[in-house]
Amino acid sequence: MRKFVVIAAAVAACAALVPACTAVRAPDQRPRPAPAPGEAAAYAYLCDNAKDEGPHDECAHWFVVTSGGRTWQLTDAVERGHVDLTGDGRYLAYQRAGDGRLVVRDLVEGTVRAVQEATPGVDGDRLAYRPTLLGKGRWLYVDHAAGWDGVDEPSSFVADVATGRTVWRLSRGSWLDELDDDGSRLMVEDDKSFSVMDASGTTTRPLPARLRAVEATGSLTPDGAGQAAQVVSKNFPAGGADLRPARLVTIDTGTGKALHDVRLALPLKDRASMCDVSRWASSREVLLRCGTGELFHEIVFRVDTRTGHPTKVGETRPPRSHLFELVWAAD
């Protein structure tokens, strides 16, 4: 969750990885009110206003496309805010307009639960909050998509969706790598170290030098069994000439020492094809989700962490044209 890294606008590609992911049929673009509870979402999007190239006017609010193909507009969310969906499409997280509260909406039951944490603003505007649903909608991780000149961003936090209470608060400048399903243990990272936190305390280890370099993209992705992996790109992600992955580094989360450091040779032609570790597929393989240089077009590779050997396992393309942001309901 390194803040300057975005892969195809940080969207997830497919709910299940299959040899060929089928693009979803373009929805009816006419805005409609929210449907009656009972239907989960397939994806959500902000459209791109053709007049001024941005999510303005009729594109200022998110559209939600249901699993049955119906489209409705999320008009009770702040304009141009961030949203997230669970893998099954049942839960939708966003910042509510009016009171600015971060909320989680159950699209099946129709309930809306608000997080207790305040969402402070600056000079009448609110900071850009970025919610991420974890544990199948049980937890909400909140960090900040952008800061304000001369104003420190609040610390990120994890809230229990059922109660709205904050259960973990991260130190400023750090981000979440992993949270156990029961919320009892988490792993966080900053530019120089990573920490494992639970009821017994916090253990902090320095990152290997190769992962402290500016070319390290995304964040450490733990497997829950003592390993974590991260991609190193060819150049600096914020402005380098070639963002394609160069190496895949695996570390021991107990000691912080590097276990494997392998060269990557993925069939990606565009130099904007930045990759990030999506999740672990086995004890020695990870899934890399890679941009292609074309907005919202991604390819997924299964990669051996000890050899670097890749196998293409999935691909997804945008479900419609004129997109500004896109969020799939995906694991």
Protein backbone atom coordinates (compact mmCIF):
# COMPACT_ATOMS: atom_id res chain seq x y z
CA MET A 1 0.00 0.00 0.00
CA ARG A 2 2.88 2.33 -0.74
CA LYS A 3 1.19 5.65 -1.42
CA PHE A 4 2.87 6.75 -4.63
CA VAL A 5 2.19 3.47 -6.40
CA VAL A 6 -0.94 3.00 -8.50
CA ILE A 7 -1.39 0.07 -10.85
CA ALA A 8 -4.22 0.79 -13.28
CA ALA A 9 -5.68 3.16 -10.72
CA ALA A 10 -5.17 0.58 -7.99
CA VAL A 11 -8.06 -1.59 -9.10
CA ALA A 12 -8.45 -5.31 -8.61
CA ALA A 13 -8.95 -7.25 -11.79
CA CYS A 14 -11.04 -10.42 -11.43
CA ALA A 15 -12.97 -12.06 -8.65
CA ALA A 16 -11.44 -15.38 -9.63
CA LEU A 17 -8.38 -15.94 -11.75
CA VAL A 18 -9.13 -18.06 -14.76
CA PRO A 19 -7.17 -18.69 -17.97
CA ALA A 20 -9.10 -15.93 -19.74
CA CYS A 21 -11.16 -13.37 -17.83
CA THR A 22 -14.19 -12.25 -19.81
CA ALA A 23 -14.84 -8.51 -19.95
CA VAL A 24 -18.12 -7.43 -18.39
CA ARG A 25 -20.74 -6.10 -20.81
CA ALA A 26 -20.88 -2.30 -20.86
CA PRO A 27 -23.77 -1.12 -18.65
CA ASP A 28 -26.63 1.21 -19.40
CA GLN A 29 -25.12 4.65 -18.74
CA ARG A 30 -28.33 6.31 -17.59
CA PRO A 31 -28.15 7.08 -13.83
CA ARG A 32 -30.72 5.28 -11.72
CA PRO A 33 -31.55 5.36 -8.00
CA ALA A 34 -30.15 2.64 -5.78
CA PRO A 35 -32.06 -0.62 -6.25
CA ALA A 36 -33.83 -2.42 -3.45
CA PRO A 37 -31.48 -4.43 -1.23
CA GLY A 38 -30.60 -7.90 -2.35
CA GLU A 39 -28.18 -7.57 -5.28
CA ALA A 40 -24.41 -7.42 -4.88
CA ALA A 41 -22.12 -5.30 -7.06
CA ALA A 42 -19.90 -6.47 -9.90
CA TYR A 43 -17.92 -3.24 -10.09
CA ALA A 44 -18.09 0.52 -9.55
CA TYR A 45 -16.73 3.35 -11.68
CA LEU A 46 -16.31 7.08 -12.10
CA CYS A 47 -16.86 8.17 -15.67
CA ASP A 48 -14.67 10.66 -17.50
CA ASN A 49 -16.51 13.81 -18.52
CA ALA A 50 -15.66 14.30 -22.19
CA LYS A 51 -15.99 18.10 -21.91
CA ASP A 52 -13.16 18.66 -19.45
CA GLU A 53 -11.49 15.26 -19.00
CA GLY A 54 -12.38 14.56 -15.41
CA PRO A 55 -15.03 13.17 -13.06
CA HIS A 56 -17.20 16.31 -13.04
CA ASP A 57 -20.88 17.17 -13.44
CA GLU A 58 -22.76 13.94 -14.21
CA CYS A 59 -19.54 11.99 -13.57
CA ALA A 60 -18.86 13.38 -10.09
CA HIS A 61 -20.56 10.44 -8.34
CA TRP A 62 -19.74 6.76 -8.59
CA PHE A 63 -21.88 4.40 -10.65
CA VAL A 64 -22.40 0.90 -9.25
CA VAL A 65 -23.07 -1.99 -11.64
CA THR A 66 -24.79 -4.97 -10.05
CA SER A 67 -24.05 -8.62 -10.72
CA GLY A 68 -27.29 -8.69 -12.70
CA GLY A 69 -26.20 -5.80 -14.94
CA ARG A 70 -28.24 -2.96 -13.44
CA THR A 71 -26.60 0.45 -12.95
CA TRP A 72 -27.28 2.94 -10.18
CA GLN A 73 -25.54 6.06 -8.92
CA LEU A 74 -24.05 6.44 -5.43
CA THR A 75 -25.35 9.95 -4.80
CA ASP A 76 -24.94 9.92 -1.00
CA ALA A 77 -21.13 9.70 -1.27
CA VAL A 78 -18.80 12.70 -1.44
CA GLU A 79 -18.07 13.74 -5.00
CA ARG A 80 -14.97 12.19 -6.56
CA GLY A 81 -14.19 10.28 -3.35
CA HIS A 82 -12.71 6.79 -3.07
CA VAL A 83 -14.73 3.58 -2.72
CA ASP A 84 -14.01 -0.10 -2.19
CA LEU A 85 -15.90 -3.37 -2.67
CA THR A 86 -15.50 -6.75 -1.04
CA GLY A 87 -14.68 -9.73 -3.24
CA ASP A 88 -18.28 -10.95 -3.23
CA GLY A 89 -19.59 -7.47 -4.04
CA ARG A 90 -21.81 -7.40 -0.96
CA TYR A 91 -20.16 -4.55 0.95
CA LEU A 92 -19.37 -1.08 -0.38
CA ALA A 93 -17.21 1.42 1.56
CA TYR A 94 -17.19 5.16 0.92
CA GLN A 95 -17.22 8.59 2.56
CA ARG A 96 -20.74 9.88 3.05
CA ALA A 97 -21.69 13.35 1.89
CA GLY A 98 -23.13 15.72 4.44
CA ASP A 99 -21.54 14.49 7.67
CA GLY A 100 -18.37 13.17 5.98
CA ARG A 101 -18.51 9.87 7.87
CA LEU A 102 -16.82 6.80 6.45
CA VAL A 103 -19.48 4.13 6.03
CA VAL A 104 -19.90 0.53 4.90
CA ARG A 105 -23.08 -0.29 3.02
CA ASP A 106 -24.44 -3.83 2.89
CA LEU A 107 -25.91 -4.06 -0.60
CA VAL A 108 -27.73 -7.31 0.19
CA GLU A 109 -29.36 -6.33 3.49
CA GLY A 110 -29.54 -2.58 2.82
CA THR A 111 -27.92 -1.52 6.10
CA VAL A 112 -25.32 1.26 6.42
CA ARG A 113 -22.81 1.28 9.27
CA ALA A 114 -20.71 4.35 10.08
CA VAL A 115 -17.18 4.39 11.48
CA GLN A 116 -16.87 6.34 14.73
CA GLU A 117 -13.54 7.93 13.78
CA ALA A 118 -13.90 11.61 12.89
CA THR A 119 -12.89 12.76 9.41
CA PRO A 120 -11.32 16.18 9.93
CA GLY A 121 -11.19 18.76 7.20
CA VAL A 122 -9.01 21.71 6.27
CA ASP A 123 -10.51 25.12 5.48
CA GLY A 124 -13.92 23.61 4.81
CA ASP A 125 -12.60 20.72 2.74
CA ARG A 126 -11.95 17.17 3.88
CA LEU A 127 -8.82 15.19 3.39
CA ALA A 128 -9.06 12.49 0.73
CA TYR A 129 -9.78 9.29 2.63
CA ARG A 130 -9.19 5.93 0.98
CA PRO A 131 -11.16 3.03 2.54
CA THR A 132 -10.16 -0.61 2.05
CA LEU A 133 -12.43 -3.47 3.12
CA LEU A 134 -10.69 -6.46 4.73
CA GLY A 135 -11.76 -9.78 6.20
CA LYS A 136 -14.79 -10.11 3.87
CA GLY A 137 -16.13 -6.79 5.09
CA ARG A 138 -15.46 -7.26 8.80
CA TRP A 139 -12.72 -4.60 8.96
CA LEU A 140 -12.21 -1.23 7.32
CA TYR A 141 -8.67 0.08 6.81
CA VAL A 142 -8.53 3.82 6.17
CA ASP A 143 -5.55 5.72 4.88
CA HIS A 144 -5.23 9.02 3.08
CA ALA A 145 -5.00 9.34 -0.66
CA ALA A 146 -3.61 12.85 -0.66
CA GLY A 147 -2.38 15.46 1.80
CA TRP A 148 -2.77 19.21 1.93
CA ASP A 149 0.01 21.74 1.68
CA GLY A 150 1.32 22.54 5.13
CA VAL A 151 -1.05 20.10 6.87
CA ASP A 152 -0.02 16.76 8.36
CA GLU A 153 -2.17 13.84 7.34
CA PRO A 154 -3.92 12.01 10.18
CA SER A 155 -2.65 8.55 11.02
CA SER A 156 -4.22 5.57 9.27
CA PHE A 157 -6.44 3.23 11.26
CA VAL A 158 -8.40 -0.03 11.20
CA ALA A 159 -12.03 -0.04 12.36
CA ASP A 160 -14.42 -2.84 13.29
CA VAL A 161 -17.32 -2.42 10.87
CA ALA A 162 -19.89 -4.00 13.22
CA THR A 163 -19.19 -1.58 16.09
CA GLY A 164 -17.59 1.33 14.24
CA ARG A 165 -14.78 1.42 16.80
CA THR A 166 -11.12 1.88 15.89
CA VAL A 167 -9.19 -1.26 16.83
CA TRP A 168 -5.73 -0.37 15.48
CA ARG A 169 -4.04 2.96 14.83
CA LEU A 170 -0.92 3.16 12.70
CA SER A 171 1.90 5.60 13.21
CA ARG A 172 2.15 8.45 10.72
CA GLY A 173 4.10 7.59 7.60
CA SER A 174 3.32 3.87 7.80
CA TRP A 175 0.84 1.70 5.89
CA LEU A 176 -0.84 -1.66 6.37
CA ASP A 177 0.58 -4.79 4.72
CA GLU A 178 -1.62 -7.46 6.30
CA LEU A 179 -4.36 -7.94 8.88
CA ASP A 180 -5.32 -11.37 10.22
CA ASP A 181 -8.95 -12.30 9.59
CA ASP A 182 -9.76 -12.05 13.30
CA GLY A 183 -8.09 -8.64 13.57
CA SER A 184 -5.67 -9.74 16.28
CA ARG A 185 -2.42 -9.30 14.37
CA LEU A 186 -1.22 -6.92 11.70
CA MET A 187 1.91 -6.12 9.77
CA VAL A 188 2.75 -2.52 8.89
CA GLU A 189 5.53 -0.93 6.89
CA ASP A 190 7.27 2.41 6.44
CA ASP A 191 10.11 3.51 4.18
CA LYS A 192 12.81 1.83 6.28
CA SER A 193 11.25 -0.96 8.35
CA PHE A 194 8.29 -3.26 8.91
CA SER A 195 6.55 -4.16 12.16
CA VAL A 196 4.38 -7.01 13.38
CA MET A 197 1.85 -5.95 16.01
CA ASP A 198 -0.40 -8.03 18.27
CA ALA A 199 -1.61 -8.10 21.86
CA SER A 200 1.88 -9.00 23.11
CA GLY A 201 3.48 -5.89 21.61
CA THR A 202 5.31 -4.74 18.49
CA THR A 203 8.34 -6.27 16.81
CA THR A 204 10.14 -4.05 14.29
CA ARG A 205 12.73 -5.17 11.73
CA PRO A 206 14.68 -3.09 9.20
CA LEU A 207 13.86 -3.65 5.56
CA PRO A 208 16.63 -5.17 3.43
CA ALA A 209 18.51 -2.43 1.58
CA ARG A 210 17.13 -3.55 -1.78
CA LEU A 211 13.58 -2.85 -0.55
CA ARG A 212 14.46 0.56 0.84
CA ALA A 213 15.37 1.69 -2.67
CA VAL A 214 12.94 4.01 -4.44
CA GLU A 215 12.44 1.37 -7.14
CA ALA A 216 10.58 -0.92 -4.70
CA THR A 217 6.92 -0.82 -5.76
CA GLY A 218 3.73 -1.64 -3.94
CA SER A 219 4.30 -3.03 -0.47
CA LEU A 220 5.39 -6.22 1.24
CA THR A 221 2.77 -8.93 0.78
CA PRO A 222 2.96 -11.55 3.56
CA ASP A 223 1.86 -15.17 3.14
CA GLY A 224 0.87 -15.52 6.79
CA ALA A 225 3.49 -18.21 7.32
CA GLY A 226 6.70 -16.22 7.73
CA GLN A 227 7.38 -14.91 4.22
CA ALA A 228 6.63 -11.65 2.40
CA ALA A 229 7.36 -10.63 -1.19
CA GLN A 230 7.77 -7.34 -3.04
CA VAL A 231 8.58 -6.20 -6.57
CA VAL A 232 11.52 -3.96 -7.52
CA SER A 233 11.03 -2.06 -10.78
CA LYS A 234 13.65 -0.92 -13.27
CA ASN A 235 13.31 2.79 -12.45
CA PHE A 236 11.79 5.13 -9.87
CA PRO A 237 7.99 4.64 -10.05
CA ALA A 238 7.10 8.34 -9.70
CA GLY A 239 8.96 9.40 -12.83
CA GLY A 240 11.32 6.78 -14.18
CA ALA A 241 11.51 5.89 -17.84
CA ASP A 242 10.89 2.16 -17.32
CA LEU A 243 8.54 0.94 -14.59
CA ARG A 244 8.51 -2.73 -15.61
CA PRO A 245 9.44 -5.20 -12.86
CA ALA A 246 13.10 -6.10 -12.63
CA ARG A 247 13.30 -8.31 -9.53
CA LEU A 248 11.13 -10.12 -7.01
CA VAL A 249 12.44 -10.10 -3.42
CA THR A 250 11.18 -12.45 -0.69
CA ILE A 251 12.04 -11.87 2.97
CA ASP A 252 11.69 -13.74 6.24
CA THR A 253 9.19 -11.74 8.33
CA GLY A 254 10.72 -13.07 11.54
CA THR A 255 14.26 -11.85 10.90
CA GLY A 256 13.82 -9.29 8.11
CA LYS A 257 16.52 -11.00 6.06
CA ALA A 258 16.16 -11.66 2.34
CA LEU A 259 15.36 -15.27 1.43
CA HIS A 260 15.24 -14.98 -2.36
CA ASP A 261 16.05 -12.27 -4.89
CA VAL A 262 15.22 -13.35 -8.44
CA ARG A 263 15.26 -11.64 -11.81
CA LEU A 264 11.92 -11.10 -13.53
CA ALA A 265 11.49 -11.34 -17.29
CA LEU A 266 7.78 -10.84 -17.86
CA PRO A 267 6.42 -10.39 -21.42
CA LEU A 268 5.46 -6.74 -20.88
CA LYS A 269 6.27 -4.36 -23.73
CA ASP A 270 5.09 -0.99 -22.46
CA ARG A 271 7.53 0.74 -20.11
CA ALA A 272 4.60 1.90 -17.99
CA SER A 273 3.80 -1.74 -17.13
CA MET A 274 4.27 -1.57 -13.37
CA CYS A 275 3.54 -4.71 -11.30
CA ASP A 276 2.64 -5.40 -7.69
CA VAL A 277 2.23 -8.56 -5.65
CA SER A 278 -1.49 -9.31 -5.39
CA ARG A 279 -1.35 -12.31 -3.06
CA TRP A 280 0.39 -15.64 -2.45
CA ALA A 281 -0.84 -18.57 -4.54
CA SER A 282 1.19 -21.24 -2.72
CA SER A 283 4.12 -21.49 -0.32
CA ARG A 284 6.53 -20.50 -3.12
CA GLU A 285 4.40 -18.71 -5.71
CA VAL A 286 2.83 -15.25 -5.82
CA LEU A 287 0.37 -13.59 -8.14
CA LEU A 288 1.67 -10.43 -9.80
CA ARG A 289 -0.91 -7.99 -11.15
CA CYS A 290 0.61 -5.88 -13.90
CA GLY A 291 -0.54 -2.87 -15.85
CA THR A 292 -0.02 -2.86 -19.60
CA GLY A 293 0.24 0.87 -20.28
CA GLU A 294 -3.42 0.86 -21.33
CA LEU A 295 -5.69 2.25 -18.60
CA PHE A 296 -7.45 -0.49 -16.61
CA HIS A 297 -6.00 -3.28 -18.74
CA GLU A 298 -4.15 -5.73 -16.50
CA ILE A 299 -2.42 -9.08 -16.80
CA VAL A 300 -1.94 -11.48 -13.90
CA PHE A 301 1.09 -13.79 -13.66
CA ARG A 302 1.80 -16.63 -11.27
CA VAL A 303 5.52 -16.33 -10.41
CA ASP A 304 7.86 -18.72 -8.62
CA THR A 305 9.60 -16.74 -5.87
CA ARG A 306 12.71 -18.93 -6.06
CA THR A 307 13.25 -18.98 -9.81
CA GLY A 308 11.27 -16.01 -11.17
CA HIS A 309 9.53 -18.26 -13.71
CA PRO A 310 6.19 -16.66 -14.75
CA THR A 311 2.93 -18.19 -15.99
CA LYS A 312 0.16 -15.99 -17.32
CA VAL A 313 -3.08 -16.89 -15.50
CA GLY A 314 -5.49 -14.05 -16.19
CA GLU A 315 -6.19 -10.82 -18.02
CA THR A 316 -8.86 -8.17 -17.73
CA ARG A 317 -9.86 -5.16 -19.81
CA PRO A 318 -12.08 -2.22 -18.90
CA PRO A 319 -15.81 -3.05 -19.11
CA ARG A 320 -16.60 0.22 -20.90
CA SER A 321 -14.97 3.32 -22.35
CA HIS A 322 -14.50 6.80 -20.83
CA LEU A 323 -13.52 5.60 -17.37
CA PHE A 324 -11.77 7.79 -14.82
CA GLU A 325 -11.68 5.29 -11.93
CA LEU A 326 -12.68 1.61 -11.72
CA VAL A 327 -13.05 -0.75 -8.77
CA TRP A 328 -13.88 -4.42 -9.29
CA ALA A 329 -15.50 -6.66 -6.70
CA ALA A 330 -12.51 -8.98 -6.46
CA ASP A 331 -10.51 -10.94 -3.91
